[in-house]
């Protein structure tokens, strides 16, 4: 482990360049830079979906996608550190906007005596010839983990090393946030071009976690007519929108991505499309664009739906929304 100002400057410079040119941010380039500038040779990037399902990992030994033979598949049910990370991330609504260090030292989570005889130690020794771990959690529901590993001879992570890893977290998190903003700006621009080409006048673009990435004035006016000005003025790219889950028809697992859905609320027709951004590590980020058009003639005040079947609870919520309730 190296700790010098030159290494920090080089890492910061390299990662700043990486965030602009990279197609995928958490990859071997990041691991190489951590090794070259700080001496952290043994590090593993683990990837999960937003519901905690393991997808793959990348280490100094290479890349391995989840499969029947993957070592982590057998260890996953016993990985109490991962469960702690995921539970905390869901509780705190962790996304790529977070830059506050989130570090998990294995021996802080598992009692020291129990740790020496734990499944964690057996897993690390068998697969990485290591004994101790410190994991940094990033992204939506901590769907990316960067774990630094040490051998038994090297000893557990010291206070100085922990402080350095906190600094590394801040560097990486800020660069990742900027990477996602740049990537999302390109995605939104592509979606807007498609919307304009379709001739639609009102639209929203959202991610799968209820942030409104883009919208136009006409859409805001339509939302204001349905839910009121206060709600319409709260559309944000960094704060989840409270009414979007109902519109998207989600219950925490996202809407189906293989079809277009149409919903009718009050006198407005919402058409919901899905855009998928896939990565080699198995992660799939979903974005939705929603076009809004006004029905030419008013029909029954009762909420109606096309192409979807509403559950009794959704029907109840829809009727309450029509009455002007928003929460």
C-alpha atoms as a PDB file:
ATOM      1  CA  UNK A   1       0.000   0.000   0.000  1.00  0.00           C
ATOM      2  CA  UNK A   2       1.460   3.345  -1.081  1.00  0.00           C
ATOM      3  CA  UNK A   3       0.395   6.681   0.315  1.00  0.00           C
ATOM      4  CA  UNK A   4       1.951   9.723  -1.362  1.00  0.00           C
ATOM      5  CA  UNK A   5       0.711  12.929  -2.923  1.00  0.00           C
ATOM      6  CA  UNK A   6       2.098  12.021  -6.343  1.00  0.00           C
ATOM      7  CA  UNK A   7       0.035   8.841  -6.401  1.00  0.00           C
ATOM      8  CA  UNK A   8      -3.089  10.768  -5.458  1.00  0.00           C
ATOM      9  CA  UNK A   9      -2.493  13.348  -8.203  1.00  0.00           C
ATOM     10  CA  UNK A  10      -1.858  10.677 -10.836  1.00  0.00           C
ATOM     11  CA  UNK A  11      -4.934   8.693  -9.779  1.00  0.00           C
ATOM     12  CA  UNK A  12      -7.142  11.779  -9.805  1.00  0.00           C
ATOM     13  CA  UNK A  13      -5.851  12.729 -13.264  1.00  0.00           C
ATOM     14  CA  UNK A  14      -6.292   9.220 -14.669  1.00  0.00           C
ATOM     15  CA  UNK A  15      -9.756   8.735 -13.251  1.00  0.00           C
ATOM     16  CA  UNK A  16     -10.882  12.161 -14.504  1.00  0.00           C
ATOM     17  CA  UNK A  17      -9.813  11.179 -18.014  1.00  0.00           C
ATOM     18  CA  UNK A  18     -11.370   7.742 -17.584  1.00  0.00           C
ATOM     19  CA  UNK A  19     -14.786   9.160 -16.660  1.00  0.00           C
ATOM     20  CA  UNK A  20     -14.912  11.047 -19.978  1.00  0.00           C
ATOM     21  CA  UNK A  21     -13.681   8.368 -22.356  1.00  0.00           C
ATOM     22  CA  UNK A  22     -14.866   5.129 -20.736  1.00  0.00           C
ATOM     23  CA  UNK A  23     -17.817   3.123 -22.011  1.00  0.00           C
ATOM     24  CA  UNK A  24     -17.998   1.432 -18.599  1.00  0.00           C
ATOM     25  CA  UNK A  25     -16.598   3.070 -15.488  1.00  0.00           C
ATOM     26  CA  UNK A  26     -15.977   0.189 -13.044  1.00  0.00           C
ATOM     27  CA  UNK A  27     -13.589  -1.999 -15.006  1.00  0.00           C
ATOM     28  CA  UNK A  28      -9.992  -3.231 -15.220  1.00  0.00           C
ATOM     29  CA  UNK A  29      -8.759   0.306 -15.988  1.00  0.00           C
ATOM     30  CA  UNK A  30      -9.851   1.385 -12.505  1.00  0.00           C
ATOM     31  CA  UNK A  31      -8.199  -1.645 -10.886  1.00  0.00           C
ATOM     32  CA  UNK A  32      -4.951  -0.989 -12.770  1.00  0.00           C
ATOM     33  CA  UNK A  33      -4.913   2.642 -11.653  1.00  0.00           C
ATOM     34  CA  UNK A  34      -5.510   1.685  -8.006  1.00  0.00           C
ATOM     35  CA  UNK A  35      -2.632  -0.761  -8.186  1.00  0.00           C
ATOM     36  CA  UNK A  36      -0.226   1.611  -9.962  1.00  0.00           C
ATOM     37  CA  UNK A  37      -0.885   4.677  -7.827  1.00  0.00           C
ATOM     38  CA  UNK A  38      -1.677   3.204  -4.397  1.00  0.00           C
ATOM     39  CA  UNK A  39      -0.317  -0.328  -4.445  1.00  0.00           C
ATOM     40  CA  UNK A  40      -3.729  -1.985  -3.999  1.00  0.00           C
ATOM     41  CA  UNK A  41      -3.041  -4.970  -6.226  1.00  0.00           C
ATOM     42  CA  UNK A  42      -5.702  -7.276  -4.841  1.00  0.00           C
ATOM     43  CA  UNK A  43      -9.093  -5.709  -5.461  1.00  0.00           C
ATOM     44  CA  UNK A  44     -12.376  -7.125  -6.757  1.00  0.00           C
ATOM     45  CA  UNK A  45     -15.311  -5.339  -8.376  1.00  0.00           C
ATOM     46  CA  UNK A  46     -18.589  -7.217  -7.834  1.00  0.00           C
ATOM     47  CA  UNK A  47     -21.722  -6.365  -9.796  1.00  0.00           C
ATOM     48  CA  UNK A  48     -25.338  -6.954  -8.760  1.00  0.00           C
ATOM     49  CA  UNK A  49     -28.692  -5.938 -10.133  1.00  0.00           C
ATOM     50  CA  UNK A  50     -30.697  -3.326  -8.244  1.00  0.00           C
ATOM     51  CA  UNK A  51     -32.538  -6.055  -6.305  1.00  0.00           C
ATOM     52  CA  UNK A  52     -29.315  -7.612  -4.987  1.00  0.00           C
ATOM     53  CA  UNK A  53     -28.912 -10.532  -7.429  1.00  0.00           C
ATOM     54  CA  UNK A  54     -25.264 -11.277  -8.230  1.00  0.00           C
ATOM     55  CA  UNK A  55     -24.207 -10.773 -11.862  1.00  0.00           C
ATOM     56  CA  UNK A  56     -20.406 -10.999 -12.174  1.00  0.00           C
ATOM     57  CA  UNK A  57     -17.059  -9.904 -10.779  1.00  0.00           C
ATOM     58  CA  UNK A  58     -13.824  -8.424 -12.121  1.00  0.00           C
ATOM     59  CA  UNK A  59     -10.548  -8.953 -10.261  1.00  0.00           C
ATOM     60  CA  UNK A  60      -6.811  -8.955 -10.944  1.00  0.00           C
ATOM     61  CA  UNK A  61      -7.406 -12.534 -12.063  1.00  0.00           C
ATOM     62  CA  UNK A  62      -9.868 -11.498 -14.761  1.00  0.00           C
ATOM     63  CA  UNK A  63     -13.634 -11.263 -15.400  1.00  0.00           C
ATOM     64  CA  UNK A  64     -16.118 -13.982 -14.499  1.00  0.00           C
ATOM     65  CA  UNK A  65     -19.835 -13.812 -15.279  1.00  0.00           C
ATOM     66  CA  UNK A  66     -22.282 -15.597 -12.974  1.00  0.00           C
ATOM     67  CA  UNK A  67     -22.760 -19.266 -13.892  1.00  0.00           C
ATOM     68  CA  UNK A  68     -23.328 -22.614 -12.184  1.00  0.00           C
ATOM     69  CA  UNK A  69     -19.607 -22.949 -11.522  1.00  0.00           C
ATOM     70  CA  UNK A  70     -19.085 -19.412 -10.230  1.00  0.00           C
ATOM     71  CA  UNK A  71     -17.536 -19.541  -6.723  1.00  0.00           C
ATOM     72  CA  UNK A  72     -19.715 -16.714  -5.456  1.00  0.00           C
ATOM     73  CA  UNK A  73     -22.957 -18.493  -6.335  1.00  0.00           C
ATOM     74  CA  UNK A  74     -22.384 -21.014  -3.534  1.00  0.00           C
ATOM     75  CA  UNK A  75     -21.162 -18.391  -1.084  1.00  0.00           C
ATOM     76  CA  UNK A  76     -23.859 -15.769  -1.774  1.00  0.00           C
ATOM     77  CA  UNK A  77     -26.415 -17.077   0.799  1.00  0.00           C
ATOM     78  CA  UNK A  78     -23.692 -16.881   3.485  1.00  0.00           C
ATOM     79  CA  UNK A  79     -22.338 -13.453   2.549  1.00  0.00           C
ATOM     80  CA  UNK A  80     -23.603 -11.468   5.532  1.00  0.00           C
ATOM     81  CA  UNK A  81     -21.449  -8.477   4.581  1.00  0.00           C
ATOM     82  CA  UNK A  82     -23.191  -8.149   1.236  1.00  0.00           C
ATOM     83  CA  UNK A  83     -26.579  -8.421   2.938  1.00  0.00           C
ATOM     84  CA  UNK A  84     -25.588  -5.621   5.320  1.00  0.00           C
ATOM     85  CA  UNK A  85     -24.401  -3.448   2.426  1.00  0.00           C
ATOM     86  CA  UNK A  86     -27.608  -4.002   0.443  1.00  0.00           C
ATOM     87  CA  UNK A  87     -29.876  -3.445   3.442  1.00  0.00           C
ATOM     88  CA  UNK A  88     -28.153  -0.149   4.267  1.00  0.00           C
ATOM     89  CA  UNK A  89     -28.253   0.999   0.644  1.00  0.00           C
ATOM     90  CA  UNK A  90     -31.985   0.329   0.254  1.00  0.00           C
ATOM     91  CA  UNK A  91     -32.680   2.073   3.552  1.00  0.00           C
ATOM     92  CA  UNK A  92     -30.655   5.124   2.504  1.00  0.00           C
ATOM     93  CA  UNK A  93     -31.894   5.157  -1.117  1.00  0.00           C
ATOM     94  CA  UNK A  94     -28.317   4.927  -2.362  1.00  0.00           C
ATOM     95  CA  UNK A  95     -27.747   6.013  -5.975  1.00  0.00           C
ATOM     96  CA  UNK A  96     -24.824   7.187  -8.068  1.00  0.00           C
ATOM     97  CA  UNK A  97     -25.300  10.692  -6.613  1.00  0.00           C
ATOM     98  CA  UNK A  98     -23.769   9.577  -3.300  1.00  0.00           C
ATOM     99  CA  UNK A  99     -20.183  10.700  -2.642  1.00  0.00           C
ATOM    100  CA  UNK A 100     -20.117  10.150   1.130  1.00  0.00           C
ATOM    101  CA  UNK A 101     -17.770   7.225   1.960  1.00  0.00           C
ATOM    102  CA  UNK A 102     -19.516   3.904   2.568  1.00  0.00           C
ATOM    103  CA  UNK A 103     -16.897   1.438   3.789  1.00  0.00           C
ATOM    104  CA  UNK A 104     -17.495  -2.018   5.248  1.00  0.00           C
ATOM    105  CA  UNK A 105     -14.612  -3.641   7.095  1.00  0.00           C
ATOM    106  CA  UNK A 106     -15.229  -7.372   7.378  1.00  0.00           C
ATOM    107  CA  UNK A 107     -13.884  -7.646  10.930  1.00  0.00           C
ATOM    108  CA  UNK A 108     -16.187  -4.827  12.043  1.00  0.00           C
ATOM    109  CA  UNK A 109     -19.249  -6.730  10.840  1.00  0.00           C
ATOM    110  CA  UNK A 110     -18.190 -10.196  11.971  1.00  0.00           C
ATOM    111  CA  UNK A 111     -16.930 -10.541  15.555  1.00  0.00           C
ATOM    112  CA  UNK A 112     -13.105 -11.011  15.645  1.00  0.00           C
ATOM    113  CA  UNK A 113     -13.178 -14.521  17.145  1.00  0.00           C
ATOM    114  CA  UNK A 114     -16.004 -15.677  14.903  1.00  0.00           C
ATOM    115  CA  UNK A 115     -14.318 -14.096  11.893  1.00  0.00           C
ATOM    116  CA  UNK A 116     -11.305 -16.428  11.986  1.00  0.00           C
ATOM    117  CA  UNK A 117     -13.631 -19.412  11.625  1.00  0.00           C
ATOM    118  CA  UNK A 118     -16.168 -17.777   9.329  1.00  0.00           C
ATOM    119  CA  UNK A 119     -17.357 -18.691   5.842  1.00  0.00           C
ATOM    120  CA  UNK A 120     -16.018 -15.313   4.726  1.00  0.00           C
ATOM    121  CA  UNK A 121     -12.421 -16.187   5.568  1.00  0.00           C
ATOM    122  CA  UNK A 122     -12.766 -19.596   3.925  1.00  0.00           C
ATOM    123  CA  UNK A 123     -14.157 -17.955   0.776  1.00  0.00           C
ATOM    124  CA  UNK A 124     -11.403 -15.320   0.605  1.00  0.00           C
ATOM    125  CA  UNK A 125      -8.608 -17.815   1.235  1.00  0.00           C
ATOM    126  CA  UNK A 126      -9.918 -20.336  -1.267  1.00  0.00           C
ATOM    127  CA  UNK A 127     -10.571 -17.905  -4.127  1.00  0.00           C
ATOM    128  CA  UNK A 128      -8.145 -15.019  -3.619  1.00  0.00           C
ATOM    129  CA  UNK A 129      -5.473 -16.263  -1.195  1.00  0.00           C
ATOM    130  CA  UNK A 130      -6.553 -13.426   1.122  1.00  0.00           C
ATOM    131  CA  UNK A 131      -7.854 -13.154   4.667  1.00  0.00           C
ATOM    132  CA  UNK A 132      -9.240  -9.636   5.203  1.00  0.00           C
ATOM    133  CA  UNK A 133     -11.548  -7.398   3.180  1.00  0.00           C
ATOM    134  CA  UNK A 134     -12.720  -3.792   3.060  1.00  0.00           C
ATOM    135  CA  UNK A 135     -15.667  -3.148   0.738  1.00  0.00           C
ATOM    136  CA  UNK A 136     -16.749   0.153  -0.797  1.00  0.00           C
ATOM    137  CA  UNK A 137     -20.381   0.386  -1.963  1.00  0.00           C
ATOM    138  CA  UNK A 138     -21.476   2.429  -4.996  1.00  0.00           C
ATOM    139  CA  UNK A 139     -24.501   3.024  -7.196  1.00  0.00           C
ATOM    140  CA  UNK A 140     -28.195   2.228  -7.093  1.00  0.00           C
ATOM    141  CA  UNK A 141     -28.860   0.041  -4.048  1.00  0.00           C
ATOM    142  CA  UNK A 142     -25.082  -0.625  -3.883  1.00  0.00           C
ATOM    143  CA  UNK A 143     -25.167  -2.608  -7.103  1.00  0.00           C
ATOM    144  CA  UNK A 144     -21.413  -2.160  -7.447  1.00  0.00           C
ATOM    145  CA  UNK A 145     -18.955  -3.227  -4.752  1.00  0.00           C
ATOM    146  CA  UNK A 146     -15.226  -2.508  -4.822  1.00  0.00           C
ATOM    147  CA  UNK A 147     -13.489  -4.800  -2.319  1.00  0.00           C
ATOM    148  CA  UNK A 148      -9.852  -4.455  -1.277  1.00  0.00           C
ATOM    149  CA  UNK A 149      -8.211  -7.608   0.038  1.00  0.00           C
ATOM    150  CA  UNK A 150      -5.212  -8.389   2.286  1.00  0.00           C
ATOM    151  CA  UNK A 151      -3.476 -11.596   3.277  1.00  0.00           C
ATOM    152  CA  UNK A 152      -3.242 -12.890   6.842  1.00  0.00           C
ATOM    153  CA  UNK A 153       0.476 -12.033   6.852  1.00  0.00           C
ATOM    154  CA  UNK A 154      -0.262  -8.425   5.866  1.00  0.00           C
ATOM    155  CA  UNK A 155      -2.759  -8.115   8.702  1.00  0.00           C
ATOM    156  CA  UNK A 156      -6.097  -6.364   8.929  1.00  0.00           C
ATOM    157  CA  UNK A 157      -6.781  -2.868   7.600  1.00  0.00           C
ATOM    158  CA  UNK A 158      -5.140  -0.127   9.683  1.00  0.00           C
ATOM    159  CA  UNK A 159      -6.596   3.285  10.512  1.00  0.00           C
ATOM    160  CA  UNK A 160      -4.220   4.864   7.987  1.00  0.00           C
ATOM    161  CA  UNK A 161      -5.348   2.471   5.257  1.00  0.00           C
ATOM    162  CA  UNK A 162      -8.987   3.055   6.123  1.00  0.00           C
ATOM    163  CA  UNK A 163      -8.471   6.797   5.847  1.00  0.00           C
ATOM    164  CA  UNK A 164      -6.824   6.356   2.442  1.00  0.00           C
ATOM    165  CA  UNK A 165      -9.689   4.173   1.222  1.00  0.00           C
ATOM    166  CA  UNK A 166     -12.158   6.830   2.354  1.00  0.00           C
ATOM    167  CA  UNK A 167     -10.296   9.321   0.173  1.00  0.00           C
ATOM    168  CA  UNK A 168     -10.296   6.860  -2.708  1.00  0.00           C
ATOM    169  CA  UNK A 169     -14.045   6.413  -2.252  1.00  0.00           C
ATOM    170  CA  UNK A 170     -14.604  10.153  -2.661  1.00  0.00           C
ATOM    171  CA  UNK A 171     -12.425  10.269  -5.803  1.00  0.00           C
ATOM    172  CA  UNK A 172     -14.177   7.285  -7.359  1.00  0.00           C
ATOM    173  CA  UNK A 173     -17.713   8.318  -6.341  1.00  0.00           C
ATOM    174  CA  UNK A 174     -17.359  11.833  -7.753  1.00  0.00           C
ATOM    175  CA  UNK A 175     -15.895  10.519 -10.999  1.00  0.00           C
ATOM    176  CA  UNK A 176     -18.654   7.895 -11.263  1.00  0.00           C
ATOM    177  CA  UNK A 177     -21.330  10.522 -10.630  1.00  0.00           C
ATOM    178  CA  UNK A 178     -19.901  12.675 -13.429  1.00  0.00           C
ATOM    179  CA  UNK A 179     -19.648   9.626 -15.698  1.00  0.00           C
ATOM    180  CA  UNK A 180     -23.330   8.806 -15.118  1.00  0.00           C
ATOM    181  CA  UNK A 181     -24.406  12.413 -15.675  1.00  0.00           C
ATOM    182  CA  UNK A 182     -22.533  12.503 -18.993  1.00  0.00           C
ATOM    183  CA  UNK A 183     -23.876   9.090 -20.011  1.00  0.00           C
ATOM    184  CA  UNK A 184     -27.438   9.993 -19.049  1.00  0.00           C
ATOM    185  CA  UNK A 185     -27.227  13.302 -20.910  1.00  0.00           C
ATOM    186  CA  UNK A 186     -26.428  11.362 -24.096  1.00  0.00           C
ATOM    187  CA  UNK A 187     -29.242   8.870 -23.435  1.00  0.00           C
ATOM    188  CA  UNK A 188     -31.759  11.648 -22.779  1.00  0.00           C
ATOM    189  CA  UNK A 189     -30.646  13.460 -25.950  1.00  0.00           C
ATOM    190  CA  UNK A 190     -31.174  10.279 -27.996  1.00  0.00           C
ATOM    191  CA  UNK A 191     -34.609   9.771 -26.462  1.00  0.00           C
ATOM    192  CA  UNK A 192     -35.593  13.402 -27.078  1.00  0.00           C
ATOM    193  CA  UNK A 193     -34.664  13.054 -30.744  1.00  0.00           C
ATOM    194  CA  UNK A 194     -36.928  10.035 -31.026  1.00  0.00           C
ATOM    195  CA  UNK A 195     -39.769  11.853 -29.255  1.00  0.00           C
ATOM    196  CA  UNK A 196     -39.429  14.894 -31.528  1.00  0.00           C
ATOM    197  CA  UNK A 197     -39.371  12.651 -34.605  1.00  0.00           C
ATOM    198  CA  UNK A 198     -42.608  11.008 -33.411  1.00  0.00           C
ATOM    199  CA  UNK A 199     -44.356  14.391 -33.305  1.00  0.00           C
ATOM    200  CA  UNK A 200     -45.326  14.161 -29.628  1.00  0.00           C
ATOM    201  CA  UNK A 201     -45.726  17.536 -27.908  1.00  0.00           C
ATOM    202  CA  UNK A 202     -45.433  16.614 -24.207  1.00  0.00           C
ATOM    203  CA  UNK A 203     -42.975  14.209 -22.617  1.00  0.00           C
ATOM    204  CA  UNK A 204     -41.125  13.086 -19.491  1.00  0.00           C
ATOM    205  CA  UNK A 205     -37.889  11.068 -19.396  1.00  0.00           C
ATOM    206  CA  UNK A 206     -37.242   9.107 -16.189  1.00  0.00           C
ATOM    207  CA  UNK A 207     -34.793   6.559 -14.850  1.00  0.00           C
ATOM    208  CA  UNK A 208     -35.950   3.362 -13.159  1.00  0.00           C
ATOM    209  CA  UNK A 209     -35.702   4.968  -9.720  1.00  0.00           C
ATOM    210  CA  UNK A 210     -38.311   7.650 -10.214  1.00  0.00           C
ATOM    211  CA  UNK A 211     -36.032  10.572 -11.078  1.00  0.00           C
ATOM    212  CA  UNK A 212     -37.330  12.816 -13.874  1.00  0.00           C
ATOM    213  CA  UNK A 213     -34.282  13.328 -16.073  1.00  0.00           C
ATOM    214  CA  UNK A 214     -35.989  15.657 -18.536  1.00  0.00           C
ATOM    215  CA  UNK A 215     -39.394  17.115 -19.366  1.00  0.00           C
ATOM    216  CA  UNK A 216     -40.864  19.938 -21.369  1.00  0.00           C
ATOM    217  CA  UNK A 217     -43.208  22.774 -20.429  1.00  0.00           C
ATOM    218  CA  UNK A 218     -46.245  21.173 -22.018  1.00  0.00           C
ATOM    219  CA  UNK A 219     -45.830  18.039 -19.891  1.00  0.00           C
ATOM    220  CA  UNK A 220     -45.460  20.138 -16.759  1.00  0.00           C
ATOM    221  CA  UNK A 221     -48.697  21.957 -17.563  1.00  0.00           C
ATOM    222  CA  UNK A 222     -50.525  18.658 -18.074  1.00  0.00           C
ATOM    223  CA  UNK A 223     -49.206  17.277 -14.763  1.00  0.00           C
ATOM    224  CA  UNK A 224     -50.250  20.500 -13.037  1.00  0.00           C
ATOM    225  CA  UNK A 225     -53.779  20.085 -14.412  1.00  0.00           C
ATOM    226  CA  UNK A 226     -53.953  16.545 -13.007  1.00  0.00           C
ATOM    227  CA  UNK A 227     -52.065  16.839  -9.719  1.00  0.00           C
ATOM    228  CA  UNK A 228     -51.687  20.569  -9.064  1.00  0.00           C
ATOM    229  CA  UNK A 229     -48.921  23.145  -9.516  1.00  0.00           C
ATOM    230  CA  UNK A 230     -47.079  22.195  -6.332  1.00  0.00           C
ATOM    231  CA  UNK A 231     -46.544  18.625  -7.527  1.00  0.00           C
ATOM    232  CA  UNK A 232     -45.699  19.689 -11.079  1.00  0.00           C
ATOM    233  CA  UNK A 233     -42.997  22.053  -9.811  1.00  0.00           C
ATOM    234  CA  UNK A 234     -41.248  19.290  -7.854  1.00  0.00           C
ATOM    235  CA  UNK A 235     -40.044  17.218 -10.803  1.00  0.00           C
ATOM    236  CA  UNK A 236     -36.361  16.514 -10.158  1.00  0.00           C
ATOM    237  CA  UNK A 237     -33.418  14.530 -11.568  1.00  0.00           C
ATOM    238  CA  UNK A 238     -31.956  13.915  -8.096  1.00  0.00           C
ATOM    239  CA  UNK A 239     -35.016  13.467  -5.843  1.00  0.00           C
ATOM    240  CA  UNK A 240     -37.445  10.555  -6.481  1.00  0.00           C
ATOM    241  CA  UNK A 241     -40.881  11.622  -7.716  1.00  0.00           C
ATOM    242  CA  UNK A 242     -43.610  10.326  -5.397  1.00  0.00           C
ATOM    243  CA  UNK A 243     -46.313   9.823  -8.042  1.00  0.00           C
ATOM    244  CA  UNK A 244     -44.191   8.172 -10.746  1.00  0.00           C
ATOM    245  CA  UNK A 245     -44.380   4.629  -9.284  1.00  0.00           C
ATOM    246  CA  UNK A 246     -48.121   4.612  -9.816  1.00  0.00           C
ATOM    247  CA  UNK A 247     -47.850   5.945 -13.351  1.00  0.00           C
ATOM    248  CA  UNK A 248     -45.126   3.454 -14.292  1.00  0.00           C
ATOM    249  CA  UNK A 249     -47.083   0.656 -12.644  1.00  0.00           C
ATOM    250  CA  UNK A 250     -44.094  -0.445 -10.557  1.00  0.00           C
ATOM    251  CA  UNK A 251     -43.921  -2.217  -7.232  1.00  0.00           C
ATOM    252  CA  UNK A 252     -40.170  -2.052  -6.707  1.00  0.00           C
ATOM    253  CA  UNK A 253     -39.257  -4.407  -9.552  1.00  0.00           C
ATOM    254  CA  UNK A 254     -39.751  -2.107 -12.511  1.00  0.00           C
ATOM    255  CA  UNK A 255     -42.224  -2.367 -15.368  1.00  0.00           C
ATOM    256  CA  UNK A 256     -41.906  -4.985 -18.109  1.00  0.00           C
ATOM    257  CA  UNK A 257     -39.363  -3.847 -20.700  1.00  0.00           C
ATOM    258  CA  UNK A 258     -40.724  -5.672 -23.733  1.00  0.00           C
ATOM    259  CA  UNK A 259     -43.829  -3.632 -24.445  1.00  0.00           C
ATOM    260  CA  UNK A 260     -45.373  -0.181 -24.485  1.00  0.00           C
ATOM    261  CA  UNK A 261     -47.981   0.581 -21.848  1.00  0.00           C
ATOM    262  CA  UNK A 262     -50.841   3.048 -22.157  1.00  0.00           C
ATOM    263  CA  UNK A 263     -52.636   4.592 -19.199  1.00  0.00           C
ATOM    264  CA  UNK A 264     -55.455   7.124 -19.132  1.00  0.00           C
ATOM    265  CA  UNK A 265     -55.726   9.511 -16.202  1.00  0.00           C
ATOM    266  CA  UNK A 266     -58.437  12.127 -16.186  1.00  0.00           C
ATOM    267  CA  UNK A 267     -58.455  13.433 -19.779  1.00  0.00           C
ATOM    268  CA  UNK A 268     -54.850  12.562 -20.586  1.00  0.00           C
ATOM    269  CA  UNK A 269     -53.298   9.579 -22.372  1.00  0.00           C
ATOM    270  CA  UNK A 270     -49.879   8.472 -21.096  1.00  0.00           C
ATOM    271  CA  UNK A 271     -47.793   6.209 -23.329  1.00  0.00           C
ATOM    272  CA  UNK A 272     -44.821   4.654 -21.537  1.00  0.00           C
ATOM    273  CA  UNK A 273     -41.780   3.339 -23.416  1.00  0.00           C
ATOM    274  CA  UNK A 274     -38.624   1.746 -22.011  1.00  0.00           C
ATOM    275  CA  UNK A 275     -34.977   2.239 -22.985  1.00  0.00           C
ATOM    276  CA  UNK A 276     -32.379  -0.270 -21.762  1.00  0.00           C
ATOM    277  CA  UNK A 277     -28.677   0.490 -21.284  1.00  0.00           C
ATOM    278  CA  UNK A 278     -26.792  -2.818 -21.004  1.00  0.00           C
ATOM    279  CA  UNK A 279     -23.237  -3.389 -19.780  1.00  0.00           C
ATOM    280  CA  UNK A 280     -20.800  -6.268 -20.185  1.00  0.00           C
ATOM    281  CA  UNK A 281     -20.880  -6.921 -16.430  1.00  0.00           C
ATOM    282  CA  UNK A 282     -24.568  -7.856 -16.607  1.00  0.00           C
ATOM    283  CA  UNK A 283     -26.034  -4.634 -15.228  1.00  0.00           C
ATOM    284  CA  UNK A 284     -29.000  -3.210 -17.140  1.00  0.00           C
ATOM    285  CA  UNK A 285     -30.083   0.364 -16.405  1.00  0.00           C
ATOM    286  CA  UNK A 286     -33.642   1.168 -17.471  1.00  0.00           C
ATOM    287  CA  UNK A 287     -34.987   4.546 -18.533  1.00  0.00           C
ATOM    288  CA  UNK A 288     -38.564   5.389 -19.467  1.00  0.00           C
ATOM    289  CA  UNK A 289     -39.957   8.067 -21.700  1.00  0.00           C
ATOM    290  CA  UNK A 290     -43.543   9.025 -21.262  1.00  0.00           C
ATOM    291  CA  UNK A 291     -45.518  10.936 -23.842  1.00  0.00           C
ATOM    292  CA  UNK A 292     -48.692  12.739 -22.772  1.00  0.00           C
ATOM    293  CA  UNK A 293     -51.579  13.750 -24.999  1.00  0.00           C
ATOM    294  CA  UNK A 294     -54.975  15.188 -24.160  1.00  0.00           C
ATOM    295  CA  UNK A 295     -58.106  13.301 -25.154  1.00  0.00           C
ATOM    296  CA  UNK A 296     -60.143  15.230 -27.683  1.00  0.00           C
ATOM    297  CA  UNK A 297     -63.435  14.614 -25.969  1.00  0.00           C
ATOM    298  CA  UNK A 298     -64.073  14.077 -22.274  1.00  0.00           C
ATOM    299  CA  UNK A 299     -65.499  10.779 -21.197  1.00  0.00           C
ATOM    300  CA  UNK A 300     -66.519   9.370 -17.870  1.00  0.00           C
ATOM    301  CA  UNK A 301     -64.832  10.822 -14.782  1.00  0.00           C
ATOM    302  CA  UNK A 302     -64.044   7.267 -13.775  1.00  0.00           C
ATOM    303  CA  UNK A 303     -60.410   6.301 -14.291  1.00  0.00           C
ATOM    304  CA  UNK A 304     -59.932   4.009 -17.311  1.00  0.00           C
ATOM    305  CA  UNK A 305     -56.916   2.052 -18.557  1.00  0.00           C
ATOM    306  CA  UNK A 306     -55.802   0.663 -21.910  1.00  0.00           C
ATOM    307  CA  UNK A 307     -53.525  -2.326 -22.429  1.00  0.00           C
ATOM    308  CA  UNK A 308     -53.121  -2.873 -18.695  1.00  0.00           C
ATOM    309  CA  UNK A 309     -55.182  -4.475 -15.983  1.00  0.00           C
ATOM    310  CA  UNK A 310     -55.311  -2.501 -12.757  1.00  0.00           C
ATOM    311  CA  UNK A 311     -55.319  -4.248  -9.442  1.00  0.00           C
ATOM    312  CA  UNK A 312     -58.037  -3.225  -6.975  1.00  0.00           C
ATOM    313  CA  UNK A 313     -55.460  -1.180  -5.047  1.00  0.00           C
ATOM    314  CA  UNK A 314     -54.291   0.607  -8.208  1.00  0.00           C
ATOM    315  CA  UNK A 315     -57.901   1.389  -9.097  1.00  0.00           C
ATOM    316  CA  UNK A 316     -58.408   2.846  -5.618  1.00  0.00           C
ATOM    317  CA  UNK A 317     -55.267   4.980  -5.882  1.00  0.00           C
ATOM    318  CA  UNK A 318     -56.233   6.141  -9.370  1.00  0.00           C
ATOM    319  CA  UNK A 319     -59.651   7.317  -8.209  1.00  0.00           C
ATOM    320  CA  UNK A 320     -58.070   9.166  -5.274  1.00  0.00           C
ATOM    321  CA  UNK A 321     -55.566  10.819  -7.609  1.00  0.00           C
ATOM    322  CA  UNK A 322     -58.389  11.970  -9.825  1.00  0.00           C
ATOM    323  CA  UNK A 323     -60.027  13.570  -6.786  1.00  0.00           C
ATOM    324  CA  UNK A 324     -56.896  15.640  -6.343  1.00  0.00           C
ATOM    325  CA  UNK A 325     -55.052  13.637  -3.677  1.00  0.00           C
ATOM    326  CA  UNK A 326     -51.335  13.226  -4.342  1.00  0.00           C
ATOM    327  CA  UNK A 327     -49.860  11.326  -1.374  1.00  0.00           C
END
